[in-house]
PDB file of N, CA and C in Angstrom:
ATOM      1  N   UNK A   1      53.608  34.391  -2.643  1.00  0.00           N
ATOM      2  CA  UNK A   1      54.932  33.982  -3.072  1.00  0.00           C
ATOM      3  C   UNK A   1      54.840  33.148  -4.347  1.00  0.00           C
ATOM      4  N   UNK A   2      55.576  33.454  -5.411  1.00  0.00           N
ATOM      5  CA  UNK A   2      55.479  32.695  -6.600  1.00  0.00           C
ATOM      6  C   UNK A   2      56.853  32.037  -6.928  1.00  0.00           C
ATOM      7  N   UNK A   3      56.801  30.810  -7.421  1.00  0.00           N
ATOM      8  CA  UNK A   3      58.013  30.120  -7.914  1.00  0.00           C
ATOM      9  C   UNK A   3      57.755  29.880  -9.346  1.00  0.00           C
ATOM     10  N   UNK A   4      58.824  30.167 -10.175  1.00  0.00           N
ATOM     11  CA  UNK A   4      58.677  29.952 -11.613  1.00  0.00           C
ATOM     12  C   UNK A   4      59.803  29.124 -12.095  1.00  0.00           C
ATOM     13  N   UNK A   5      59.485  28.077 -12.856  1.00  0.00           N
ATOM     14  CA  UNK A   5      60.518  27.200 -13.391  1.00  0.00           C
ATOM     15  C   UNK A   5      60.157  26.856 -14.825  1.00  0.00           C
ATOM     16  N   UNK A   6      60.672  27.595 -15.837  1.00  0.00           N
ATOM     17  CA  UNK A   6      60.414  27.474 -17.237  1.00  0.00           C
ATOM     18  C   UNK A   6      58.907  27.436 -17.437  1.00  0.00           C
ATOM     19  N   UNK A   7      58.287  26.312 -17.694  1.00  0.00           N
ATOM     20  CA  UNK A   7      56.884  26.309 -18.016  1.00  0.00           C
ATOM     21  C   UNK A   7      55.997  25.994 -16.764  1.00  0.00           C
ATOM     22  N   UNK A   8      56.592  26.000 -15.606  1.00  0.00           N
ATOM     23  CA  UNK A   8      55.877  25.632 -14.425  1.00  0.00           C
ATOM     24  C   UNK A   8      55.777  26.837 -13.485  1.00  0.00           C
ATOM     25  N   UNK A   9      54.600  27.152 -13.107  1.00  0.00           N
ATOM     26  CA  UNK A   9      54.334  28.262 -12.165  1.00  0.00           C
ATOM     27  C   UNK A   9      53.503  27.701 -11.030  1.00  0.00           C
ATOM     28  N   UNK A  10      53.901  28.011  -9.811  1.00  0.00           N
ATOM     29  CA  UNK A  10      53.199  27.492  -8.650  1.00  0.00           C
ATOM     30  C   UNK A  10      53.063  28.643  -7.658  1.00  0.00           C
ATOM     31  N   UNK A  11      51.971  28.667  -6.959  1.00  0.00           N
ATOM     32  CA  UNK A  11      51.806  29.673  -5.890  1.00  0.00           C
ATOM     33  C   UNK A  11      51.794  28.949  -4.575  1.00  0.00           C
ATOM     34  N   UNK A  12      52.511  29.515  -3.652  1.00  0.00           N
ATOM     35  CA  UNK A  12      52.514  28.995  -2.239  1.00  0.00           C
ATOM     36  C   UNK A  12      51.999  30.103  -1.377  1.00  0.00           C
ATOM     37  N   UNK A  13      50.966  29.782  -0.602  1.00  0.00           N
ATOM     38  CA  UNK A  13      50.445  30.762   0.325  1.00  0.00           C
ATOM     39  C   UNK A  13      50.632  30.319   1.743  1.00  0.00           C
ATOM     40  N   UNK A  14      50.888  31.278   2.606  1.00  0.00           N
ATOM     41  CA  UNK A  14      51.057  31.005   4.015  1.00  0.00           C
ATOM     42  C   UNK A  14      50.052  31.865   4.784  1.00  0.00           C
ATOM     43  N   UNK A  15      49.416  31.207   5.741  1.00  0.00           N
ATOM     44  CA  UNK A  15      48.403  31.852   6.537  1.00  0.00           C
ATOM     45  C   UNK A  15      48.780  31.672   8.017  1.00  0.00           C
ATOM     46  N   UNK A  16      48.646  32.739   8.769  1.00  0.00           N
ATOM     47  CA  UNK A  16      48.923  32.688  10.228  1.00  0.00           C
ATOM     48  C   UNK A  16      47.624  32.956  10.969  1.00  0.00           C
ATOM     49  N   UNK A  17      47.265  32.015  11.829  1.00  0.00           N
ATOM     50  CA  UNK A  17      46.113  32.176  12.646  1.00  0.00           C
ATOM     51  C   UNK A  17      46.577  32.360  14.084  1.00  0.00           C
ATOM     52  N   UNK A  18      46.094  33.383  14.759  1.00  0.00           N
ATOM     53  CA  UNK A  18      46.505  33.701  16.113  1.00  0.00           C
ATOM     54  C   UNK A  18      45.345  33.332  17.090  1.00  0.00           C
ATOM     55  N   UNK A  19      45.707  32.528  18.061  1.00  0.00           N
ATOM     56  CA  UNK A  19      44.743  32.243  19.131  1.00  0.00           C
ATOM     57  C   UNK A  19      45.274  32.955  20.409  1.00  0.00           C
ATOM     58  N   UNK A  20      44.592  32.695  21.482  1.00  0.00           N
ATOM     59  CA  UNK A  20      45.047  33.357  22.716  1.00  0.00           C
ATOM     60  C   UNK A  20      46.433  32.916  23.114  1.00  0.00           C
ATOM     61  N   UNK A  21      46.804  31.652  22.926  1.00  0.00           N
ATOM     62  CA  UNK A  21      48.044  31.151  23.398  1.00  0.00           C
ATOM     63  C   UNK A  21      49.063  30.711  22.313  1.00  0.00           C
ATOM     64  N   UNK A  22      48.577  30.669  21.025  1.00  0.00           N
ATOM     65  CA  UNK A  22      49.376  30.056  20.018  1.00  0.00           C
ATOM     66  C   UNK A  22      49.310  30.840  18.656  1.00  0.00           C
ATOM     67  N   UNK A  23      50.330  30.591  17.841  1.00  0.00           N
ATOM     68  CA  UNK A  23      50.262  31.017  16.442  1.00  0.00           C
ATOM     69  C   UNK A  23      50.221  29.670  15.675  1.00  0.00           C
ATOM     70  N   UNK A  24      49.370  29.632  14.670  1.00  0.00           N
ATOM     71  CA  UNK A  24      49.263  28.473  13.845  1.00  0.00           C
ATOM     72  C   UNK A  24      49.708  28.897  12.430  1.00  0.00           C
ATOM     73  N   UNK A  25      50.793  28.361  11.930  1.00  0.00           N
ATOM     74  CA  UNK A  25      51.310  28.696  10.631  1.00  0.00           C
ATOM     75  C   UNK A  25      50.876  27.593   9.658  1.00  0.00           C
ATOM     76  N   UNK A  26      50.261  27.983   8.582  1.00  0.00           N
ATOM     77  CA  UNK A  26      49.748  27.021   7.631  1.00  0.00           C
ATOM     78  C   UNK A  26      50.248  27.409   6.250  1.00  0.00           C
ATOM     79  N   UNK A  27      50.882  26.450   5.579  1.00  0.00           N
ATOM     80  CA  UNK A  27      51.434  26.658   4.229  1.00  0.00           C
ATOM     81  C   UNK A  27      50.686  25.744   3.281  1.00  0.00           C
ATOM     82  N   UNK A  28      50.132  26.316   2.209  1.00  0.00           N
ATOM     83  CA  UNK A  28      49.435  25.506   1.254  1.00  0.00           C
ATOM     84  C   UNK A  28      50.142  25.698  -0.083  1.00  0.00           C
ATOM     85  N   UNK A  29      50.499  24.578  -0.689  1.00  0.00           N
ATOM     86  CA  UNK A  29      51.177  24.602  -1.965  1.00  0.00           C
ATOM     87  C   UNK A  29      50.320  23.929  -3.021  1.00  0.00           C
ATOM     88  N   UNK A  30      49.996  24.611  -4.075  1.00  0.00           N
ATOM     89  CA  UNK A  30      49.086  24.085  -5.129  1.00  0.00           C
ATOM     90  C   UNK A  30      49.729  22.928  -5.869  1.00  0.00           C
ATOM     91  N   UNK A  31      51.023  22.927  -6.043  1.00  0.00           N
ATOM     92  CA  UNK A  31      51.624  21.889  -6.900  1.00  0.00           C
ATOM     93  C   UNK A  31      51.915  20.632  -6.132  1.00  0.00           C
ATOM     94  N   UNK A  32      51.978  20.671  -4.857  1.00  0.00           N
ATOM     95  CA  UNK A  32      52.139  19.453  -4.032  1.00  0.00           C
ATOM     96  C   UNK A  32      50.816  18.914  -3.547  1.00  0.00           C
ATOM     97  N   UNK A  33      49.838  19.732  -3.577  1.00  0.00           N
ATOM     98  CA  UNK A  33      48.521  19.403  -3.019  1.00  0.00           C
ATOM     99  C   UNK A  33      48.664  18.960  -1.543  1.00  0.00           C
ATOM    100  N   UNK A  34      49.452  19.727  -0.848  1.00  0.00           N
ATOM    101  CA  UNK A  34      49.658  19.409   0.577  1.00  0.00           C
ATOM    102  C   UNK A  34      49.296  20.636   1.375  1.00  0.00           C
ATOM    103  N   UNK A  35      49.011  20.393   2.607  1.00  0.00           N
ATOM    104  CA  UNK A  35      48.724  21.456   3.543  1.00  0.00           C
ATOM    105  C   UNK A  35      49.566  21.179   4.766  1.00  0.00           C
ATOM    106  N   UNK A  36      50.587  22.027   4.990  1.00  0.00           N
ATOM    107  CA  UNK A  36      51.523  21.895   6.079  1.00  0.00           C
ATOM    108  C   UNK A  36      51.084  22.842   7.179  1.00  0.00           C
ATOM    109  N   UNK A  37      50.995  22.328   8.411  1.00  0.00           N
ATOM    110  CA  UNK A  37      50.551  23.200   9.466  1.00  0.00           C
ATOM    111  C   UNK A  37      51.460  22.946  10.697  1.00  0.00           C
ATOM    112  N   UNK A  38      51.917  24.045  11.240  1.00  0.00           N
ATOM    113  CA  UNK A  38      52.732  24.031  12.490  1.00  0.00           C
ATOM    114  C   UNK A  38      52.067  24.939  13.522  1.00  0.00           C
ATOM    115  N   UNK A  39      51.912  24.400  14.758  1.00  0.00           N
ATOM    116  CA  UNK A  39      51.371  25.231  15.827  1.00  0.00           C
ATOM    117  C   UNK A  39      52.488  25.483  16.798  1.00  0.00           C
ATOM    118  N   UNK A  40      52.662  26.795  17.109  1.00  0.00           N
ATOM    119  CA  UNK A  40      53.747  27.180  18.013  1.00  0.00           C
ATOM    120  C   UNK A  40      53.096  28.046  19.117  1.00  0.00           C
ATOM    121  N   UNK A  41      53.410  27.646  20.390  1.00  0.00           N
ATOM    122  CA  UNK A  41      52.876  28.514  21.474  1.00  0.00           C
ATOM    123  C   UNK A  41      53.556  29.810  21.430  1.00  0.00           C
ATOM    124  N   UNK A  42      52.872  30.836  21.926  1.00  0.00           N
ATOM    125  CA  UNK A  42      53.462  32.208  21.991  1.00  0.00           C
ATOM    126  C   UNK A  42      54.660  32.245  22.922  1.00  0.00           C
ATOM    127  N   UNK A  43      54.572  31.443  23.960  1.00  0.00           N
ATOM    128  CA  UNK A  43      55.702  31.383  24.901  1.00  0.00           C
ATOM    129  C   UNK A  43      56.949  30.827  24.250  1.00  0.00           C
ATOM    130  N   UNK A  44      56.794  29.718  23.469  1.00  0.00           N
ATOM    131  CA  UNK A  44      57.906  29.077  22.770  1.00  0.00           C
ATOM    132  C   UNK A  44      58.450  30.003  21.706  1.00  0.00           C
ATOM    133  N   UNK A  45      57.535  30.637  20.987  1.00  0.00           N
ATOM    134  CA  UNK A  45      58.049  31.592  19.941  1.00  0.00           C
ATOM    135  C   UNK A  45      58.775  32.778  20.526  1.00  0.00           C
ATOM    136  N   UNK A  46      58.304  33.268  21.642  1.00  0.00           N
ATOM    137  CA  UNK A  46      58.960  34.433  22.256  1.00  0.00           C
ATOM    138  C   UNK A  46      60.374  33.968  22.804  1.00  0.00           C
ATOM    139  N   UNK A  47      60.480  32.739  23.333  1.00  0.00           N
ATOM    140  CA  UNK A  47      61.765  32.227  23.805  1.00  0.00           C
ATOM    141  C   UNK A  47      62.738  32.021  22.636  1.00  0.00           C
ATOM    142  N   UNK A  48      62.187  31.544  21.522  1.00  0.00           N
ATOM    143  CA  UNK A  48      63.043  31.347  20.315  1.00  0.00           C
ATOM    144  C   UNK A  48      63.590  32.685  19.782  1.00  0.00           C
ATOM    145  N   UNK A  49      62.667  33.674  19.738  1.00  0.00           N
ATOM    146  CA  UNK A  49      63.112  35.006  19.285  1.00  0.00           C
ATOM    147  C   UNK A  49      64.161  35.559  20.283  1.00  0.00           C
ATOM    148  N   UNK A  50      63.952  35.439  21.573  1.00  0.00           N
ATOM    149  CA  UNK A  50      64.934  35.946  22.569  1.00  0.00           C
ATOM    150  C   UNK A  50      66.270  35.194  22.404  1.00  0.00           C
ATOM    151  N   UNK A  51      66.212  33.884  22.169  1.00  0.00           N
ATOM    152  CA  UNK A  51      67.498  33.162  22.003  1.00  0.00           C
ATOM    153  C   UNK A  51      68.240  33.617  20.780  1.00  0.00           C
ATOM    154  N   UNK A  52      67.521  33.784  19.631  1.00  0.00           N
ATOM    155  CA  UNK A  52      68.134  34.198  18.429  1.00  0.00           C
ATOM    156  C   UNK A  52      68.682  35.603  18.622  1.00  0.00           C
ATOM    157  N   UNK A  53      67.997  36.475  19.274  1.00  0.00           N
ATOM    158  CA  UNK A  53      68.445  37.822  19.525  1.00  0.00           C
ATOM    159  C   UNK A  53      69.766  37.788  20.341  1.00  0.00           C
ATOM    160  N   UNK A  54      69.781  36.956  21.425  1.00  0.00           N
ATOM    161  CA  UNK A  54      70.999  36.859  22.222  1.00  0.00           C
ATOM    162  C   UNK A  54      72.199  36.348  21.419  1.00  0.00           C
ATOM    163  N   UNK A  55      71.899  35.393  20.543  1.00  0.00           N
ATOM    164  CA  UNK A  55      72.978  34.841  19.697  1.00  0.00           C
ATOM    165  C   UNK A  55      73.524  35.888  18.762  1.00  0.00           C
ATOM    166  N   UNK A  56      72.582  36.633  18.148  1.00  0.00           N
ATOM    167  CA  UNK A  56      72.987  37.683  17.244  1.00  0.00           C
ATOM    168  C   UNK A  56      73.836  38.777  17.963  1.00  0.00           C
ATOM    169  N   UNK A  57      73.417  39.113  19.163  1.00  0.00           N
ATOM    170  CA  UNK A  57      74.146  40.062  19.995  1.00  0.00           C
ATOM    171  C   UNK A  57      75.580  39.662  20.295  1.00  0.00           C
ATOM    172  N   UNK A  58      75.809  38.331  20.335  1.00  0.00           N
ATOM    173  CA  UNK A  58      77.126  37.784  20.661  1.00  0.00           C
ATOM    174  C   UNK A  58      77.846  37.390  19.363  1.00  0.00           C
ATOM    175  N   UNK A  59      77.260  37.629  18.228  1.00  0.00           N
ATOM    176  CA  UNK A  59      77.906  37.386  16.947  1.00  0.00           C
ATOM    177  C   UNK A  59      77.907  35.919  16.547  1.00  0.00           C
ATOM    178  N   UNK A  60      76.911  35.144  17.096  1.00  0.00           N
ATOM    179  CA  UNK A  60      76.807  33.739  16.731  1.00  0.00           C
ATOM    180  C   UNK A  60      75.802  33.647  15.586  1.00  0.00           C
ATOM    181  N   UNK A  61      76.131  32.869  14.544  1.00  0.00           N
ATOM    182  CA  UNK A  61      75.289  32.728  13.348  1.00  0.00           C
ATOM    183  C   UNK A  61      74.378  31.540  13.565  1.00  0.00           C
ATOM    184  N   UNK A  62      73.116  31.724  13.723  1.00  0.00           N
ATOM    185  CA  UNK A  62      72.112  30.700  13.916  1.00  0.00           C
ATOM    186  C   UNK A  62      72.053  29.787  12.743  1.00  0.00           C
ATOM    187  N   UNK A  63      72.288  30.315  11.553  1.00  0.00           N
ATOM    188  CA  UNK A  63      72.226  29.467  10.359  1.00  0.00           C
ATOM    189  C   UNK A  63      73.352  28.467  10.340  1.00  0.00           C
ATOM    190  N   UNK A  64      74.538  28.875  10.758  1.00  0.00           N
ATOM    191  CA  UNK A  64      75.685  27.994  10.827  1.00  0.00           C
ATOM    192  C   UNK A  64      75.458  26.860  11.854  1.00  0.00           C
ATOM    193  N   UNK A  65      74.881  27.195  13.019  1.00  0.00           N
ATOM    194  CA  UNK A  65      74.589  26.239  14.018  1.00  0.00           C
ATOM    195  C   UNK A  65      73.524  25.219  13.497  1.00  0.00           C
ATOM    196  N   UNK A  66      72.533  25.778  12.794  1.00  0.00           N
ATOM    197  CA  UNK A  66      71.492  24.880  12.270  1.00  0.00           C
ATOM    198  C   UNK A  66      72.020  23.975  11.259  1.00  0.00           C
ATOM    199  N   UNK A  67      72.908  24.404  10.407  1.00  0.00           N
ATOM    200  CA  UNK A  67      73.556  23.537   9.354  1.00  0.00           C
ATOM    201  C   UNK A  67      74.360  22.481  10.021  1.00  0.00           C
ATOM    202  N   UNK A  68      75.145  22.867  11.042  1.00  0.00           N
ATOM    203  CA  UNK A  68      75.978  21.911  11.764  1.00  0.00           C
ATOM    204  C   UNK A  68      75.150  20.851  12.474  1.00  0.00           C
ATOM    205  N   UNK A  69      74.062  21.285  13.107  1.00  0.00           N
ATOM    206  CA  UNK A  69      73.133  20.340  13.782  1.00  0.00           C
ATOM    207  C   UNK A  69      72.554  19.382  12.785  1.00  0.00           C
ATOM    208  N   UNK A  70      72.193  19.865  11.608  1.00  0.00           N
ATOM    209  CA  UNK A  70      71.581  18.993  10.574  1.00  0.00           C
ATOM    210  C   UNK A  70      72.646  17.955  10.109  1.00  0.00           C
ATOM    211  N   UNK A  71      73.850  18.441   9.880  1.00  0.00           N
ATOM    212  CA  UNK A  71      74.942  17.511   9.456  1.00  0.00           C
ATOM    213  C   UNK A  71      75.147  16.438  10.543  1.00  0.00           C
ATOM    214  N   UNK A  72      75.240  16.849  11.756  1.00  0.00           N
ATOM    215  CA  UNK A  72      75.493  15.879  12.839  1.00  0.00           C
ATOM    216  C   UNK A  72      74.333  14.899  12.993  1.00  0.00           C
ATOM    217  N   UNK A  73      73.122  15.398  12.885  1.00  0.00           N
ATOM    218  CA  UNK A  73      71.919  14.519  12.927  1.00  0.00           C
ATOM    219  C   UNK A  73      71.973  13.495  11.794  1.00  0.00           C
ATOM    220  N   UNK A  74      72.253  14.012  10.586  1.00  0.00           N
ATOM    221  CA  UNK A  74      72.268  13.078   9.425  1.00  0.00           C
ATOM    222  C   UNK A  74      73.324  12.022   9.590  1.00  0.00           C
ATOM    223  N   UNK A  75      74.504  12.382  10.113  1.00  0.00           N
ATOM    224  CA  UNK A  75      75.569  11.422  10.341  1.00  0.00           C
ATOM    225  C   UNK A  75      75.144  10.389  11.451  1.00  0.00           C
ATOM    226  N   UNK A  76      74.566  10.892  12.461  1.00  0.00           N
ATOM    227  CA  UNK A  76      74.079   9.993  13.555  1.00  0.00           C
ATOM    228  C   UNK A  76      73.108   8.994  12.997  1.00  0.00           C
ATOM    229  N   UNK A  77      72.142   9.487  12.168  1.00  0.00           N
ATOM    230  CA  UNK A  77      71.115   8.568  11.602  1.00  0.00           C
ATOM    231  C   UNK A  77      71.754   7.558  10.655  1.00  0.00           C
ATOM    232  N   UNK A  78      72.734   8.018   9.882  1.00  0.00           N
ATOM    233  CA  UNK A  78      73.423   7.099   8.956  1.00  0.00           C
ATOM    234  C   UNK A  78      74.122   5.994   9.728  1.00  0.00           C
ATOM    235  N   UNK A  79      74.826   6.345  10.801  1.00  0.00           N
ATOM    236  CA  UNK A  79      75.476   5.375  11.648  1.00  0.00           C
ATOM    237  C   UNK A  79      74.500   4.488  12.328  1.00  0.00           C
ATOM    238  N   UNK A  80      73.380   5.008  12.799  1.00  0.00           N
ATOM    239  CA  UNK A  80      72.343   4.200  13.457  1.00  0.00           C
ATOM    240  C   UNK A  80      71.780   3.159  12.463  1.00  0.00           C
ATOM    241  N   UNK A  81      71.440   3.622  11.272  1.00  0.00           N
ATOM    242  CA  UNK A  81      70.865   2.709  10.245  1.00  0.00           C
ATOM    243  C   UNK A  81      71.904   1.629   9.921  1.00  0.00           C
ATOM    244  N   UNK A  82      73.187   1.986   9.745  1.00  0.00           N
ATOM    245  CA  UNK A  82      74.204   1.009   9.400  1.00  0.00           C
ATOM    246  C   UNK A  82      74.358   0.023  10.517  1.00  0.00           C
ATOM    247  N   UNK A  83      74.428   0.483  11.760  1.00  0.00           N
ATOM    248  CA  UNK A  83      74.570  -0.430  12.915  1.00  0.00           C
ATOM    249  C   UNK A  83      73.361  -1.358  13.040  1.00  0.00           C
ATOM    250  N   UNK A  84      72.185  -0.765  12.822  1.00  0.00           N
ATOM    251  CA  UNK A  84      70.955  -1.576  12.902  1.00  0.00           C
ATOM    252  C   UNK A  84      71.001  -2.665  11.813  1.00  0.00           C
ATOM    253  N   UNK A  85      71.363  -2.289  10.580  1.00  0.00           N
ATOM    254  CA  UNK A  85      71.392  -3.253   9.497  1.00  0.00           C
ATOM    255  C   UNK A  85      72.440  -4.343   9.746  1.00  0.00           C
ATOM    256  N   UNK A  86      73.634  -3.933  10.253  1.00  0.00           N
ATOM    257  CA  UNK A  86      74.654  -4.929  10.548  1.00  0.00           C
ATOM    258  C   UNK A  86      74.230  -5.886  11.663  1.00  0.00           C
ATOM    259  N   UNK A  87      73.618  -5.330  12.689  1.00  0.00           N
ATOM    260  CA  UNK A  87      73.136  -6.201  13.817  1.00  0.00           C
ATOM    261  C   UNK A  87      72.037  -7.118  13.287  1.00  0.00           C
ATOM    262  N   UNK A  88      71.142  -6.582  12.487  1.00  0.00           N
ATOM    263  CA  UNK A  88      70.036  -7.373  11.925  1.00  0.00           C
ATOM    264  C   UNK A  88      70.592  -8.543  11.116  1.00  0.00           C
ATOM    265  N   UNK A  89      71.587  -8.229  10.229  1.00  0.00           N
ATOM    266  CA  UNK A  89      72.210  -9.225   9.352  1.00  0.00           C
ATOM    267  C   UNK A  89      72.843 -10.381  10.233  1.00  0.00           C
ATOM    268  N   UNK A  90      73.480 -10.007  11.323  1.00  0.00           N
ATOM    269  CA  UNK A  90      74.073 -11.015  12.218  1.00  0.00           C
ATOM    270  C   UNK A  90      72.954 -11.905  12.794  1.00  0.00           C
ATOM    271  N   UNK A  91      71.912 -11.306  13.291  1.00  0.00           N
ATOM    272  CA  UNK A  91      70.803 -12.089  13.886  1.00  0.00           C
ATOM    273  C   UNK A  91      70.183 -13.003  12.830  1.00  0.00           C
ATOM    274  N   UNK A  92      69.886 -12.455  11.687  1.00  0.00           N
ATOM    275  CA  UNK A  92      69.266 -13.246  10.632  1.00  0.00           C
ATOM    276  C   UNK A  92      70.189 -14.381  10.191  1.00  0.00           C
ATOM    277  N   UNK A  93      71.541 -14.063  10.110  1.00  0.00           N
ATOM    278  CA  UNK A  93      72.468 -15.147   9.759  1.00  0.00           C
ATOM    279  C   UNK A  93      72.501 -16.230  10.782  1.00  0.00           C
ATOM    280  N   UNK A  94      72.506 -15.887  12.020  1.00  0.00           N
ATOM    281  CA  UNK A  94      72.490 -16.880  13.149  1.00  0.00           C
ATOM    282  C   UNK A  94      71.255 -17.724  13.076  1.00  0.00           C
ATOM    283  N   UNK A  95      70.116 -17.036  12.894  1.00  0.00           N
ATOM    284  CA  UNK A  95      68.797 -17.707  12.791  1.00  0.00           C
ATOM    285  C   UNK A  95      68.823 -18.668  11.594  1.00  0.00           C
ATOM    286  N   UNK A  96      69.316 -18.242  10.434  1.00  0.00           N
ATOM    287  CA  UNK A  96      69.405 -19.150   9.256  1.00  0.00           C
ATOM    288  C   UNK A  96      70.279 -20.349   9.511  1.00  0.00           C
ATOM    289  N   UNK A  97      71.449 -20.125  10.171  1.00  0.00           N
ATOM    290  CA  UNK A  97      72.323 -21.240  10.528  1.00  0.00           C
ATOM    291  C   UNK A  97      71.634 -22.253  11.438  1.00  0.00           C
ATOM    292  N   UNK A  98      70.946 -21.773  12.437  1.00  0.00           N
ATOM    293  CA  UNK A  98      70.221 -22.660  13.373  1.00  0.00           C
ATOM    294  C   UNK A  98      69.120 -23.446  12.616  1.00  0.00           C
ATOM    295  N   UNK A  99      68.451 -22.749  11.717  1.00  0.00           N
ATOM    296  CA  UNK A  99      67.378 -23.408  10.938  1.00  0.00           C
ATOM    297  C   UNK A  99      67.963 -24.516  10.066  1.00  0.00           C
ATOM    298  N   UNK A 100      69.119 -24.276   9.467  1.00  0.00           N
ATOM    299  CA  UNK A 100      69.803 -25.325   8.644  1.00  0.00           C
ATOM    300  C   UNK A 100      70.194 -26.526   9.528  1.00  0.00           C
ATOM    301  N   UNK A 101      70.708 -26.234  10.686  1.00  0.00           N
ATOM    302  CA  UNK A 101      71.147 -27.330  11.645  1.00  0.00           C
ATOM    303  C   UNK A 101      69.943 -28.198  11.999  1.00  0.00           C
ATOM    304  N   UNK A 102      68.825 -27.514  12.326  1.00  0.00           N
ATOM    305  CA  UNK A 102      67.560 -28.247  12.702  1.00  0.00           C
ATOM    306  C   UNK A 102      67.075 -29.049  11.533  1.00  0.00           C
ATOM    307  N   UNK A 103      67.090 -28.513  10.323  1.00  0.00           N
ATOM    308  CA  UNK A 103      66.652 -29.295   9.177  1.00  0.00           C
ATOM    309  C   UNK A 103      67.542 -30.527   8.940  1.00  0.00           C
ATOM    310  N   UNK A 104      68.858 -30.320   9.148  1.00  0.00           N
ATOM    311  CA  UNK A 104      69.756 -31.446   8.920  1.00  0.00           C
ATOM    312  C   UNK A 104      69.531 -32.509  10.034  1.00  0.00           C
ATOM    313  N   UNK A 105      69.292 -32.100  11.292  1.00  0.00           N
ATOM    314  CA  UNK A 105      68.993 -33.033  12.333  1.00  0.00           C
ATOM    315  C   UNK A 105      67.710 -33.834  12.030  1.00  0.00           C
ATOM    316  N   UNK A 106      66.678 -33.136  11.586  1.00  0.00           N
ATOM    317  CA  UNK A 106      65.440 -33.777  11.244  1.00  0.00           C
ATOM    318  C   UNK A 106      65.582 -34.719  10.118  1.00  0.00           C
ATOM    319  N   UNK A 107      66.396 -34.329   9.096  1.00  0.00           N
ATOM    320  CA  UNK A 107      66.594 -35.212   7.936  1.00  0.00           C
ATOM    321  C   UNK A 107      67.429 -36.471   8.364  1.00  0.00           C
ATOM    322  N   UNK A 108      68.387 -36.341   9.260  1.00  0.00           N
ATOM    323  CA  UNK A 108      69.166 -37.435   9.755  1.00  0.00           C
ATOM    324  C   UNK A 108      68.329 -38.412  10.585  1.00  0.00           C
ATOM    325  N   UNK A 109      67.413 -37.863  11.390  1.00  0.00           N
ATOM    326  CA  UNK A 109      66.568 -38.697  12.201  1.00  0.00           C
ATOM    327  C   UNK A 109      65.557 -39.447  11.333  1.00  0.00           C
ATOM    328  N   UNK A 110      65.142 -38.807  10.217  1.00  0.00           N
ATOM    329  CA  UNK A 110      64.199 -39.461   9.346  1.00  0.00           C
ATOM    330  C   UNK A 110      64.867 -40.663   8.588  1.00  0.00           C
ATOM    331  N   UNK A 111      66.148 -40.558   8.349  1.00  0.00           N
ATOM    332  CA  UNK A 111      66.922 -41.640   7.646  1.00  0.00           C
ATOM    333  C   UNK A 111      67.053 -42.805   8.605  1.00  0.00           C
ATOM    334  N   UNK A 112      67.208 -42.604   9.877  1.00  0.00           N
ATOM    335  CA  UNK A 112      67.469 -43.700  10.837  1.00  0.00           C
ATOM    336  C   UNK A 112      66.317 -44.546  10.946  1.00  0.00           C
TER     337      UNK A 112
END
């Protein structure tokens, strides 16, 4: 597979290794200098193919479901990060307030 972008050409190769129980998909990209590898059991792969086939037979678009799942996941993670940050800010603010109180108490005792 070749990708061409003006002055940039890159080759991406994919290799599949079959073992007794698994398929190992390996993608090597020369421009990223990365080696991505996914191992899928034959049982899982056959179940995935059967599920996709059933969905196609019923007129369900797997691509649409995948996009919707990605959107929902992204929104969930955005909300999670926002809630985490807001909660962290409250805790840090409370901690800072307590530290100021303690410093003031120590300063007052030192003056006495």
